[in-house]
Protein backbone atom coordinates (compact mmCIF):
# COMPACT_ATOMS: atom_id res chain seq x y z
CA UNK A 1 0.12 0.00 -0.09
CA UNK A 2 1.33 3.69 -0.99
CA UNK A 3 2.18 5.48 1.99
CA UNK A 4 1.27 9.11 2.01
CA UNK A 5 2.17 12.22 4.25
CA UNK A 6 -0.66 14.74 3.45
CA UNK A 7 -0.01 18.64 3.92
CA UNK A 8 -3.08 20.92 3.86
CA UNK A 9 -4.84 23.62 6.06
CA UNK A 10 -8.22 25.24 4.87
CA UNK A 11 -11.71 23.60 3.54
CA UNK A 12 -10.35 23.32 0.22
CA UNK A 13 -7.79 20.26 1.14
CA UNK A 14 -10.58 18.24 3.07
CA UNK A 15 -12.00 16.67 -0.10
CA UNK A 16 -8.41 15.86 -1.45
CA UNK A 17 -7.53 14.43 1.91
CA UNK A 18 -10.71 12.16 2.00
CA UNK A 19 -10.03 11.14 -1.58
CA UNK A 20 -6.93 9.68 -0.81
CA UNK A 21 -8.72 8.02 2.11
CA UNK A 22 -11.66 6.61 0.11
CA UNK A 23 -9.06 5.38 -2.28
CA UNK A 24 -7.51 3.44 0.06
CA UNK A 25 -4.00 5.23 0.45
CA UNK A 26 -2.36 4.81 3.63
CA UNK A 27 -1.95 8.07 5.35
CA UNK A 28 0.56 8.08 7.60
CA UNK A 29 0.48 11.62 8.82
CA UNK A 30 -1.61 14.87 8.28
CA UNK A 31 0.53 18.37 8.48
CA UNK A 32 -1.32 21.31 8.76
CA UNK A 33 -1.24 24.80 10.25
CA UNK A 34 -1.34 25.60 14.24
CA UNK A 35 -4.76 26.48 15.83
CA UNK A 36 -5.56 30.25 15.25
CA UNK A 37 -7.90 32.67 16.63
CA UNK A 38 -10.89 33.19 14.62
CA UNK A 39 -13.90 35.98 14.59
CA UNK A 40 -14.62 38.71 16.89
CA UNK A 41 -14.12 36.72 20.02
CA UNK A 42 -10.92 35.32 18.90
CA UNK A 43 -11.95 31.96 19.43
CA UNK A 44 -8.95 29.46 19.15
CA UNK A 45 -10.13 27.01 16.13
CA UNK A 46 -8.48 24.09 14.56
CA UNK A 47 -8.20 24.00 10.67
CA UNK A 48 -10.82 22.59 8.72
CA UNK A 49 -8.00 19.67 7.61
CA UNK A 50 -6.98 18.92 11.45
CA UNK A 51 -10.82 18.35 12.09
CA UNK A 52 -11.15 16.05 9.08
CA UNK A 53 -7.94 14.15 10.17
CA UNK A 54 -9.02 13.58 13.66
CA UNK A 55 -12.54 12.10 12.43
CA UNK A 56 -10.19 9.56 10.70
CA UNK A 57 -8.03 9.11 13.85
CA UNK A 58 -5.11 10.09 11.63
CA UNK A 59 -1.70 11.73 13.08
CA UNK A 60 -1.63 15.45 13.05
CA UNK A 61 1.41 17.51 13.06
CA UNK A 62 0.85 21.40 13.46
CA UNK A 63 4.42 22.77 13.42
CA UNK A 64 4.32 27.07 13.49
CA UNK A 65 7.29 26.51 10.76
CA UNK A 66 7.95 23.14 9.49
CA UNK A 67 11.64 24.29 8.20
CA UNK A 68 14.07 22.74 10.97
CA UNK A 69 11.12 21.47 13.20
CA UNK A 70 10.70 18.32 15.02
CA UNK A 71 7.71 17.80 12.97
CA UNK A 72 10.04 17.70 9.76
CA UNK A 73 12.02 14.89 11.33
CA UNK A 74 8.88 13.08 11.99
CA UNK A 75 7.84 13.39 8.63
CA UNK A 76 11.15 12.07 7.34
CA UNK A 77 11.25 9.46 9.95
CA UNK A 78 7.73 8.10 8.50
CA UNK A 79 9.29 7.33 4.97
CA UNK A 80 6.40 8.05 3.18
CA UNK A 81 6.53 7.10 -0.68
CA UNK A 82 5.29 10.58 -1.75
CA UNK A 83 3.99 13.63 -0.03
CA UNK A 84 0.49 15.21 -1.30
CA UNK A 85 0.16 18.68 -0.30
CA UNK A 86 -2.78 21.09 -1.03
CA UNK A 87 -3.22 24.70 0.22
CA UNK A 88 -0.73 23.83 3.21
CA UNK A 89 0.37 27.36 3.57
CA UNK A 90 4.23 26.98 4.20
CA UNK A 91 7.27 26.30 2.04
CA UNK A 92 8.73 23.04 2.05
CA UNK A 93 12.48 22.82 3.16
CA UNK A 94 14.81 20.78 0.46
CA UNK A 95 15.26 18.17 3.06
CA UNK A 96 11.70 16.99 3.03
CA UNK A 97 10.89 17.33 -0.80
CA UNK A 98 13.79 14.93 -1.25
CA UNK A 99 12.81 12.46 1.26
CA UNK A 100 10.17 10.51 -0.37
CA UNK A 101 10.72 8.12 -3.37
CA UNK A 102 8.37 9.77 -5.59
CA UNK A 103 8.98 13.37 -3.95
CA UNK A 104 6.24 15.90 -3.32
CA UNK A 105 3.12 17.10 -5.28
CA UNK A 106 0.96 19.67 -5.01
CA UNK A 107 -2.79 20.44 -5.92
CA UNK A 108 -2.62 23.91 -6.97
CA UNK A 109 -5.94 25.89 -7.79
CA UNK A 110 -4.90 27.34 -10.79
CA UNK A 111 -3.84 26.51 -14.52
CA UNK A 112 -0.13 27.13 -14.09
CA UNK A 113 1.96 29.18 -14.98
CA UNK A 114 -0.93 31.43 -14.31
CA UNK A 115 -1.39 32.41 -10.74
CA UNK A 116 1.28 31.24 -8.92
CA UNK A 117 1.03 32.21 -5.00
CA UNK A 118 -1.78 32.05 -2.27
CA UNK A 119 -4.79 33.44 -3.49
CA UNK A 120 -5.11 32.11 -7.18
CA UNK A 121 -8.86 31.85 -6.83
CA UNK A 122 -9.26 35.51 -6.09
CA UNK A 123 -7.24 36.86 -8.94
CA UNK A 124 -8.96 34.69 -11.50
CA UNK A 125 -12.18 36.27 -10.62
CA UNK A 126 -10.89 39.89 -9.83
CA UNK A 127 -9.41 39.72 -13.41
CA UNK A 128 -12.28 38.45 -15.21
CA UNK A 129 -10.89 35.01 -16.22
CA UNK A 130 -13.53 33.25 -18.20
CA UNK A 131 -11.96 29.86 -16.62
CA UNK A 132 -9.69 28.26 -13.99
CA UNK A 133 -8.65 24.89 -13.06
CA UNK A 134 -6.34 22.79 -11.04
CA UNK A 135 -2.63 21.83 -11.54
CA UNK A 136 -1.00 18.79 -10.10
CA UNK A 137 2.63 19.62 -10.17
CA UNK A 138 6.03 18.35 -8.85
CA UNK A 139 7.15 20.68 -5.88
CA UNK A 140 10.29 22.53 -5.77
CA UNK A 141 11.61 25.11 -3.57
CA UNK A 142 10.75 27.67 -5.72
CA UNK A 143 7.15 28.67 -5.32
CA UNK A 144 4.52 26.93 -7.26
CA UNK A 145 7.36 26.51 -10.02
CA UNK A 146 7.47 22.85 -10.26
CA UNK A 147 6.73 20.91 -13.65
CA UNK A 148 3.15 20.22 -14.68
CA UNK A 149 1.93 16.51 -14.19
CA UNK A 150 -1.77 17.14 -14.71
CA UNK A 151 -4.36 20.07 -15.40
CA UNK A 152 -8.33 20.33 -15.77
CA UNK A 153 -9.88 23.73 -16.36
CA UNK A 154 -13.53 24.61 -15.50
CA UNK A 155 -15.54 27.56 -16.32
CA UNK A 156 -16.02 30.73 -14.03
CA UNK A 157 -19.70 32.07 -14.24
CA UNK A 158 -20.85 35.56 -13.18
CA UNK A 159 -22.72 33.74 -10.25
CA UNK A 160 -19.56 32.71 -8.96
CA UNK A 161 -17.55 33.89 -6.33
CA UNK A 162 -14.41 32.78 -4.09
CA UNK A 163 -16.54 30.20 -1.91
CA UNK A 164 -18.01 28.69 -4.78
CA UNK A 165 -15.14 28.07 -6.88
CA UNK A 166 -13.31 26.81 -3.93
CA UNK A 167 -15.88 24.15 -3.48
CA UNK A 168 -16.11 23.29 -7.06
CA UNK A 169 -12.29 23.43 -7.33
CA UNK A 170 -11.59 21.26 -4.38
CA UNK A 171 -13.57 18.41 -6.13
CA UNK A 172 -11.74 18.79 -9.25
CA UNK A 173 -8.51 18.71 -7.28
CA UNK A 174 -9.75 15.40 -5.51
CA UNK A 175 -10.61 13.82 -8.90
CA UNK A 176 -7.68 15.16 -10.76
CA UNK A 177 -5.43 13.73 -8.01
CA UNK A 178 -6.78 10.22 -7.74
CA UNK A 179 -6.58 9.99 -11.61
CA UNK A 180 -2.96 11.28 -11.51
CA UNK A 181 -1.44 9.67 -8.55
CA UNK A 182 -1.32 6.02 -10.11
CA UNK A 183 0.31 7.27 -13.10
CA UNK A 184 2.81 8.86 -10.95
CA UNK A 185 3.46 5.91 -8.95
CA UNK A 186 3.89 3.70 -12.37
CA UNK A 187 6.27 6.51 -13.77
CA UNK A 188 3.80 6.87 -16.83
CA UNK A 189 3.74 10.57 -16.65
CA UNK A 190 6.30 12.75 -18.35
CA UNK A 191 6.67 16.22 -16.42
CA UNK A 192 6.05 19.34 -18.37
CA UNK A 193 8.18 22.23 -17.40
CA UNK A 194 6.22 25.55 -16.87
CA UNK A 195 6.41 28.26 -19.71
CA UNK A 196 8.35 31.02 -17.54
CA UNK A 197 7.11 33.65 -20.02
CA UNK A 198 3.65 33.14 -18.96
CA UNK A 199 3.88 33.10 -15.29
CA UNK A 200 1.59 35.48 -13.30
CA UNK A 201 1.26 35.93 -9.73
CA UNK A 202 -1.39 35.88 -6.96
CA UNK A 203 -0.05 36.99 -3.52
CA UNK A 204 -1.98 37.48 -0.83
CA UNK A 205 -4.83 40.23 -1.01
CA UNK A 206 -4.00 43.44 0.86
CA UNK A 207 -6.02 45.64 2.51
CA UNK A 208 -5.59 48.41 -0.15
CA UNK A 209 -6.83 45.83 -2.44
CA UNK A 210 -10.08 45.35 -0.75
CA UNK A 211 -11.17 48.83 -1.12
CA UNK A 212 -13.19 49.67 -4.34
CA UNK A 213 -11.80 52.06 -7.08
CA UNK A 214 -14.98 53.52 -8.36
CA UNK A 215 -13.14 54.73 -11.84
CA UNK A 216 -13.19 50.74 -12.60
CA UNK A 217 -16.10 49.81 -14.80
CA UNK A 218 -19.46 48.35 -13.29
CA UNK A 219 -18.37 45.00 -14.46
CA UNK A 220 -14.64 45.35 -12.81
CA UNK A 221 -16.13 46.42 -9.64
CA UNK A 222 -18.54 43.14 -9.73
CA UNK A 223 -15.50 41.22 -10.38
CA UNK A 224 -13.87 42.41 -7.43
CA UNK A 225 -16.80 42.01 -5.33
CA UNK A 226 -17.30 38.31 -6.05
CA UNK A 227 -13.53 37.90 -6.14
CA UNK A 228 -13.51 38.92 -2.53
CA UNK A 229 -16.50 37.12 -1.44
CA UNK A 230 -16.81 35.76 1.26
CA UNK A 231 -13.57 36.77 2.04
CA UNK A 232 -11.86 39.25 2.68
CA UNK A 233 -14.71 41.15 1.26
CA UNK A 234 -14.70 44.56 -0.58
CA UNK A 235 -15.78 47.63 0.70
CA UNK A 236 -15.99 51.49 0.01
CA UNK A 237 -16.11 54.34 2.48
CA UNK A 238 -19.12 56.76 2.84
CA UNK A 239 -18.93 59.87 5.35
CA UNK A 240 -15.87 58.23 7.26
CA UNK A 241 -17.25 54.69 7.63
CA UNK A 242 -16.92 51.70 5.86
CA UNK A 243 -19.62 49.56 3.80
CA UNK A 244 -18.85 45.95 2.89
CA UNK A 245 -20.46 45.12 -0.40
CA UNK A 246 -21.53 41.59 -0.73
CA UNK A 247 -23.72 41.52 -3.83
CA UNK A 248 -23.68 44.18 -6.37
CA UNK A 249 -25.38 43.99 -10.19
CA UNK A 250 -23.90 45.78 -13.26
CA UNK A 251 -26.49 47.88 -15.08
CA UNK A 252 -27.20 48.32 -18.80
CA UNK A 253 -28.06 52.21 -17.83
CA UNK A 254 -25.18 54.55 -18.15
CA UNK A 255 -24.47 57.92 -16.42
CA UNK A 256 -22.58 61.09 -16.87
CA UNK A 257 -22.10 61.36 -13.22
CA UNK A 258 -18.55 61.28 -11.93
CA UNK A 259 -17.43 57.98 -10.60
CA UNK A 260 -18.44 57.04 -7.11
CA UNK A 261 -21.63 59.36 -7.16
CA UNK A 262 -24.82 57.90 -6.00
CA UNK A 263 -27.15 58.66 -8.76
CA UNK A 264 -30.29 56.96 -7.64
CA UNK A 265 -31.49 56.11 -4.26
CA UNK A 266 -35.14 55.13 -3.67
CA UNK A 267 -36.82 52.90 -0.82
CA UNK A 268 -35.43 49.82 -2.65
CA UNK A 269 -32.60 50.79 -5.11
CA UNK A 270 -29.11 52.30 -4.49
CA UNK A 271 -27.43 52.78 -8.02
CA UNK A 272 -23.52 54.27 -7.97
CA UNK A 273 -21.91 55.82 -10.93
CA UNK A 274 -18.60 53.73 -11.93
CA UNK A 275 -15.78 54.31 -14.77
CA UNK A 276 -16.78 54.85 -18.48
CA UNK A 277 -19.94 56.12 -17.58
CA UNK A 278 -21.16 52.45 -16.43
CA UNK A 279 -23.53 52.14 -13.51
CA UNK A 280 -23.73 49.59 -10.68
CA UNK A 281 -26.65 48.68 -8.26
CA UNK A 282 -26.02 47.74 -4.78
CA UNK A 283 -28.08 44.62 -3.79
CA UNK A 284 -26.41 43.43 -0.10
CA UNK A 285 -24.13 45.31 1.71
CA UNK A 286 -22.90 45.50 5.64
CA UNK A 287 -22.50 49.01 7.29
CA UNK A 288 -19.74 49.32 9.65
CA UNK A 289 -20.70 47.54 13.13
CA UNK A 290 -23.76 45.79 11.52
CA UNK A 291 -24.67 42.61 9.90
CA UNK A 292 -25.56 42.18 6.20
CA UNK A 293 -28.45 43.80 5.00
CA UNK A 294 -30.57 43.72 1.72
CA UNK A 295 -30.44 46.92 0.06
CA UNK A 296 -34.20 48.05 0.63
CA UNK A 297 -33.68 47.40 4.40
CA UNK A 298 -30.35 49.19 4.70
CA UNK A 299 -31.99 52.12 3.15
CA UNK A 300 -35.12 52.31 5.23
CA UNK A 301 -32.95 51.63 8.07
CA UNK A 302 -29.64 52.88 9.26
CA UNK A 303 -29.19 54.20 5.66
CA UNK A 304 -31.70 56.74 5.90
CA UNK A 305 -28.99 59.39 5.49
CA UNK A 306 -28.05 58.44 2.26
CA UNK A 307 -29.02 60.70 -0.21
CA UNK A 308 -28.43 61.21 -4.13
CA UNK A 309 -25.18 62.88 -5.32
CA UNK A 310 -23.29 61.82 -2.37
CA UNK A 311 -20.00 60.31 -3.01
CA UNK A 312 -18.37 56.93 -1.94
CA UNK A 313 -14.86 56.13 -1.90
């Protein structure tokens, strides 16, 4: 039986781990990030992969930093045939990469060489890509730069956001890994080097990137909102407070108003001018210190002060 050490952290990684178990692979240990404080109350919470691993009575290792750690030595001592990673969140040292007979492979949520880095799904949606996918690749010391072993593409629809894409891609990753792994173990795959001229990057989203630039078109703002939903969430400012925007709709109507101007405010509608004369309707938003509200509830409640010709920024 093939012996595997699995490394992953978020919900995206869980179906991949469970797929290995369902297929009968011997998962010797699961390496994941330490428990972290979550939410306003900062409740210490285990990562989703840890919860899944414990349900299956698997050994769980949680190094703050795996390089040079006792957990690294434990992985090497376990002598896995192969290491499988999926959104683990740490670089693996050369000592670990070279330890297994078949090396280490990664389940990455993009069509490499596009979107190397930690936020490939976010950038795919923000940049208006028509498709994304999963790449199984060899792991090397350089971030997401290993040779490609297999890929599968799926479309991005106008209804998709980061949450829906992660759910779909995790299942694609599970299926693709289970198709690819036997071929790796049988030496039936010829790795394909990535084309370095086509490399793009997807670093973690910054706070500055979360703020909406209303000079973008309505479609681009919609892409930003969906590309940051449900986390970290796009926002705009109004009268020195922040509004998180959860759902918006680009409109066919046009306007001559300056970008960021509220051009329509009724009991049920809030329209904002965007770049190139485009218009956007706000459907669901979250005022500072409040929960999510449908726009009509907001406008008839805490948003009563909002008036036409006001500016957001």
